[in-house]
Amino acid sequence: MAISQLFVEFIFYSFLGWIWESIYCSAKEKKWADRGFLFGPICPIYGSCVVAASAAFSSISFLSSPDFPVWGIFVVSYLASAVAEFGTSWVLEKRFHARWWDYSKMPLNIQGRICVPVSIGFGLAGVAIVKYLIPFVNGMHEAINPLVYEVFALIFAILFGADFALTEASLSALLTEVEKMHEEFNIRAQENYEKLASTKQLVVSYAEKLTLNQKRMLFRIRRFMPGKVRKHGKNLMNIVHITDALKDKIRELKG
């Protein structure tokens, strides 16, 4: 299979994943929730997993067998999604010291990165994807000229690369601002223990200074875990309160 076709599939499945995440989270939170790591309407973890599943269930003999049971597809999807979700959460936290999802309040979770109920949902979704979505997409390939994949792959690669670079720059800058705010908050709180106005003004000043992209990213991140304060529970709670205060102030400024 051509690399261009695989990449177009990756973008397509990532887009479907973004639609699912946004609809599910919007319904759950009862307000619009623009999900995903990147600014664009894609969730790469979904695209990667479905492309990997498509390759595995078409090239590995026992998986591609018509006799392979549905419960087997469920188990493979369950385990693969758990590994992918845990690994992605770990990598993003190590790189950006932030979590885009947190299952700490869910039952049977591991470090808040994965949990049994969500993995069961992905296992069931995997059955539907392998049995229906992937065969449908594979059937569409016969009707599409390979040159079309080449053109769209080039366009998507440019947009994806630009989006990733913009996200990387915005996240790095946002993390730096949150770290600065945390340090300044501690200094002011120590010097002016009873003067709450100064700390409130600090939140206002930082909220106004953030760029549009940084504000959008702030609302996508579920939990900040800056490297300098991760080992201290009290300081970590300060980060949580600071980011919550920033979100509240940004909402107030928008209103």
Protein backbone atom coordinates (compact mmCIF):
# COMPACT_ATOMS: atom_id res chain seq x y z
CA MET A 1 0.00 0.00 0.00
CA ALA A 2 1.36 3.42 -0.96
CA ILE A 3 2.61 5.69 1.84
CA SER A 4 0.41 8.51 0.55
CA GLN A 5 -2.70 6.34 0.88
CA LEU A 6 -1.78 5.34 4.43
CA PHE A 7 -1.19 8.97 5.39
CA VAL A 8 -4.54 10.07 3.96
CA GLU A 9 -6.19 7.24 5.91
CA PHE A 10 -4.37 8.40 9.04
CA ILE A 11 -5.72 11.94 8.64
CA PHE A 12 -9.23 10.68 7.84
CA TYR A 13 -9.40 8.42 10.89
CA SER A 14 -7.87 11.16 13.06
CA PHE A 15 -10.63 13.50 11.90
CA LEU A 16 -13.32 10.94 12.75
CA GLY A 17 -11.70 10.52 16.16
CA TRP A 18 -11.83 14.27 16.72
CA ILE A 19 -15.53 14.32 15.81
CA TRP A 20 -16.25 11.50 18.26
CA GLU A 21 -14.20 13.06 21.08
CA SER A 22 -15.75 16.50 20.60
CA ILE A 23 -19.33 15.19 20.47
CA TYR A 24 -18.87 12.88 23.47
CA CYS A 25 -17.11 15.48 25.64
CA SER A 26 -19.53 18.25 24.63
CA ALA A 27 -22.50 16.07 25.62
CA LYS A 28 -20.80 15.09 28.87
CA GLU A 29 -19.80 18.64 29.84
CA LYS A 30 -22.98 20.20 28.40
CA LYS A 31 -20.91 22.76 26.48
CA TRP A 32 -18.75 22.77 23.37
CA ALA A 33 -15.48 20.92 23.97
CA ASP A 34 -12.90 21.16 21.20
CA ARG A 35 -10.86 18.04 21.88
CA GLY A 36 -7.47 16.94 20.71
CA PHE A 37 -3.79 17.70 21.15
CA LEU A 38 -3.35 19.77 17.99
CA PHE A 39 -5.16 22.95 17.00
CA GLY A 40 -6.62 21.35 13.88
CA PRO A 41 -9.67 19.04 13.93
CA ILE A 42 -7.76 15.78 14.31
CA CYS A 43 -6.82 13.38 17.12
CA PRO A 44 -3.67 11.57 15.91
CA ILE A 45 -3.99 8.75 18.46
CA TYR A 46 -7.19 7.59 16.74
CA GLY A 47 -5.63 7.75 13.29
CA SER A 48 -2.55 5.83 14.41
CA CYS A 49 -4.57 3.11 16.12
CA VAL A 50 -7.00 2.54 13.24
CA VAL A 51 -4.24 2.50 10.60
CA ALA A 52 -2.30 0.02 12.77
CA ALA A 53 -5.44 -2.10 13.19
CA SER A 54 -6.07 -2.03 9.44
CA ALA A 55 -2.52 -3.21 8.78
CA ALA A 56 -2.62 -5.89 11.49
CA PHE A 57 -6.00 -7.36 10.57
CA SER A 58 -5.07 -7.52 6.89
CA SER A 59 -1.48 -8.76 7.03
CA ILE A 60 -1.31 -11.08 10.07
CA SER A 61 -2.66 -14.45 9.01
CA PHE A 62 -4.65 -15.50 12.09
CA LEU A 63 -6.10 -11.99 12.58
CA SER A 64 -7.20 -11.73 8.94
CA SER A 65 -8.81 -15.17 8.98
CA PRO A 66 -12.62 -15.12 8.49
CA ASP A 67 -12.81 -17.55 11.43
CA PHE A 68 -11.17 -15.11 13.87
CA PRO A 69 -13.87 -14.57 16.53
CA VAL A 70 -15.50 -11.25 17.39
CA TRP A 71 -14.45 -11.62 21.02
CA GLY A 72 -10.86 -11.93 19.77
CA ILE A 73 -11.17 -8.61 17.93
CA PHE A 74 -12.53 -7.12 21.15
CA VAL A 75 -9.61 -8.41 23.24
CA VAL A 76 -7.01 -7.22 20.73
CA SER A 77 -8.68 -3.79 20.47
CA TYR A 78 -9.02 -3.54 24.26
CA LEU A 79 -5.35 -4.30 24.92
CA ALA A 80 -4.01 -2.27 21.99
CA SER A 81 -6.06 0.82 22.91
CA ALA A 82 -4.94 0.59 26.55
CA VAL A 83 -1.28 0.43 25.51
CA ALA A 84 -1.69 3.29 23.01
CA GLU A 85 -3.58 5.51 25.46
CA PHE A 86 -1.16 4.89 28.34
CA GLY A 87 1.87 5.44 26.11
CA THR A 88 0.49 8.62 24.55
CA SER A 89 -0.42 10.06 27.97
CA TRP A 90 3.05 9.27 29.31
CA VAL A 91 4.87 10.78 26.32
CA LEU A 92 2.77 13.98 26.34
CA GLU A 93 3.25 14.41 30.07
CA LYS A 94 7.02 13.93 29.82
CA ARG A 95 7.24 16.37 26.92
CA PHE A 96 4.73 19.04 27.94
CA HIS A 97 4.08 18.26 31.64
CA ALA A 98 0.35 18.22 30.98
CA ARG A 99 -2.49 15.74 30.61
CA TRP A 100 -5.24 15.98 28.04
CA TRP A 101 -7.31 13.36 29.89
CA ASP A 102 -7.33 12.12 33.47
CA TYR A 103 -9.22 9.02 34.64
CA SER A 104 -8.21 9.36 38.29
CA LYS A 105 -11.86 9.48 39.34
CA MET A 106 -12.83 6.48 37.23
CA PRO A 107 -12.86 2.93 38.66
CA LEU A 108 -10.01 0.51 37.94
CA ASN A 109 -7.66 3.15 36.56
CA ILE A 110 -3.87 3.03 36.25
CA GLN A 111 -2.20 6.35 37.14
CA GLY A 112 -5.24 8.11 35.74
CA ARG A 113 -3.96 7.36 32.22
CA ILE A 114 -6.22 4.41 31.40
CA CYS A 115 -9.19 2.72 33.05
CA VAL A 116 -11.21 -0.44 32.45
CA PRO A 117 -14.56 1.22 31.50
CA VAL A 118 -12.96 3.40 28.81
CA SER A 119 -10.84 0.54 27.48
CA ILE A 120 -13.99 -1.61 27.23
CA GLY A 121 -15.57 1.18 25.17
CA PHE A 122 -12.55 1.23 22.86
CA GLY A 123 -12.69 -2.55 22.61
CA LEU A 124 -16.31 -2.43 21.44
CA ALA A 125 -15.50 0.43 19.06
CA GLY A 126 -12.63 -1.67 17.71
CA VAL A 127 -15.04 -4.45 16.78
CA ALA A 128 -17.23 -2.01 14.82
CA ILE A 129 -14.20 -0.44 13.14
CA VAL A 130 -12.62 -3.74 12.10
CA LYS A 131 -15.89 -5.33 10.96
CA TYR A 132 -17.45 -2.34 9.18
CA LEU A 133 -15.41 0.88 8.90
CA ILE A 134 -12.11 -0.53 7.64
CA PRO A 135 -13.75 -2.77 4.97
CA PHE A 136 -15.82 0.21 3.80
CA VAL A 137 -12.75 2.45 3.47
CA ASN A 138 -10.75 -0.30 1.75
CA GLY A 139 -13.59 -0.70 -0.73
CA MET A 140 -13.40 3.02 -1.55
CA HIS A 141 -9.75 2.72 -2.60
CA GLU A 142 -10.67 0.94 -5.81
CA ALA A 143 -12.77 3.91 -6.94
CA ILE A 144 -10.10 6.57 -6.19
CA ASN A 145 -7.21 7.37 -8.52
CA PRO A 146 -3.81 6.91 -6.78
CA LEU A 147 -2.83 10.40 -7.96
CA VAL A 148 -5.59 11.82 -5.74
CA TYR A 149 -3.89 10.28 -2.71
CA GLU A 150 -0.57 11.81 -3.73
CA VAL A 151 -2.08 15.30 -3.94
CA PHE A 152 -4.08 15.06 -0.72
CA ALA A 153 -1.16 13.47 1.15
CA LEU A 154 1.06 16.42 0.20
CA ILE A 155 -1.57 18.97 1.27
CA PHE A 156 -2.30 17.16 4.53
CA ALA A 157 1.42 16.76 5.30
CA ILE A 158 1.97 20.51 4.96
CA LEU A 159 -1.05 21.36 7.13
CA PHE A 160 -0.22 18.67 9.70
CA GLY A 161 3.40 19.80 9.95
CA ALA A 162 2.42 23.45 10.35
CA ASP A 163 -0.21 22.55 12.96
CA PHE A 164 2.25 20.44 14.94
CA ALA A 165 4.89 23.20 14.88
CA LEU A 166 2.34 25.82 16.00
CA THR A 167 1.08 23.55 18.78
CA GLU A 168 4.62 22.81 19.96
CA ALA A 169 5.51 26.50 20.09
CA SER A 170 2.27 27.51 21.82
CA LEU A 171 2.48 24.74 24.42
CA SER A 172 6.09 25.50 25.25
CA ALA A 173 5.27 29.20 25.68
CA LEU A 174 2.15 28.41 27.72
CA LEU A 175 4.08 26.11 30.04
CA THR A 176 6.69 28.83 30.55
CA GLU A 177 3.97 31.37 31.41
CA VAL A 178 2.32 29.01 33.91
CA GLU A 179 5.68 28.31 35.56
CA LYS A 180 6.41 32.05 35.80
CA MET A 181 2.97 32.71 37.22
CA HIS A 182 3.41 29.96 39.81
CA GLU A 183 6.75 31.36 40.95
CA GLU A 184 5.42 34.91 41.09
CA PHE A 185 2.30 33.72 42.91
CA ASN A 186 4.42 32.09 45.63
CA ILE A 187 6.57 35.21 46.01
CA ARG A 188 3.56 37.53 46.33
CA ALA A 189 1.72 35.15 48.64
CA GLN A 190 4.75 35.04 50.93
CA GLU A 191 5.31 38.80 50.92
CA ASN A 192 1.65 39.79 51.06
CA TYR A 193 -0.03 36.92 52.85
CA GLU A 194 -3.20 38.84 53.63
CA LYS A 195 -3.34 40.95 50.48
CA LEU A 196 -5.41 38.82 48.14
CA ALA A 197 -5.90 41.65 45.67
CA SER A 198 -2.33 41.33 44.43
CA THR A 199 -2.72 37.65 43.57
CA LYS A 200 -6.04 38.33 41.83
CA GLN A 201 -4.38 41.05 39.77
CA LEU A 202 -1.64 38.58 38.90
CA VAL A 203 -4.23 36.23 37.38
CA VAL A 204 -5.77 39.11 35.40
CA SER A 205 -2.43 40.25 34.01
CA TYR A 206 -1.41 36.77 32.87
CA ALA A 207 -4.86 36.01 31.42
CA GLU A 208 -4.68 39.15 29.30
CA LYS A 209 -1.13 38.35 28.17
CA LEU A 210 -1.88 34.89 26.78
CA THR A 211 -2.28 34.61 23.01
CA LEU A 212 -5.44 33.25 21.40
CA ASN A 213 -3.77 29.91 20.67
CA GLN A 214 -2.47 29.64 24.23
CA LYS A 215 -5.96 30.32 25.60
CA ARG A 216 -7.44 27.64 23.35
CA MET A 217 -4.77 25.16 24.45
CA LEU A 218 -5.31 25.96 28.12
CA PHE A 219 -8.93 24.83 27.90
CA ARG A 220 -7.95 21.57 26.17
CA ILE A 221 -5.53 20.52 28.89
CA ARG A 222 -7.18 18.68 31.76
CA ARG A 223 -4.28 18.90 34.16
CA PHE A 224 -0.94 20.74 34.25
CA MET A 225 2.03 19.02 35.85
CA PRO A 226 5.00 21.40 35.45
CA GLY A 227 8.31 19.62 35.97
CA LYS A 228 9.63 21.95 38.65
CA VAL A 229 6.74 21.27 41.04
CA ARG A 230 5.59 17.73 40.24
CA LYS A 231 7.23 16.22 43.32
CA HIS A 232 5.42 18.49 45.76
CA GLY A 233 1.71 17.84 46.21
CA LYS A 234 0.96 21.25 47.72
CA ASN A 235 2.67 23.11 44.89
CA LEU A 236 0.88 20.91 42.37
CA MET A 237 -2.43 21.99 43.88
CA ASN A 238 -1.29 25.61 43.45
CA ILE A 239 -0.81 24.90 39.74
CA VAL A 240 -4.32 23.44 39.55
CA HIS A 241 -5.81 26.49 41.28
CA ILE A 242 -3.79 28.88 39.12
CA THR A 243 -4.85 27.28 35.83
CA ASP A 244 -8.49 27.11 37.01
CA ALA A 245 -8.32 30.81 37.92
CA LEU A 246 -6.84 31.59 34.50
CA LYS A 247 -9.67 29.74 32.76
CA ASP A 248 -12.28 31.58 34.86
CA LYS A 249 -10.71 34.96 34.10
CA ILE A 250 -10.50 34.20 30.37
CA ARG A 251 -14.20 33.26 30.37
CA GLU A 252 -14.95 36.52 32.19
CA LEU A 253 -12.93 38.56 29.69
CA LYS A 254 -14.76 36.85 26.81
CA GLY A 255 -18.10 37.66 28.43
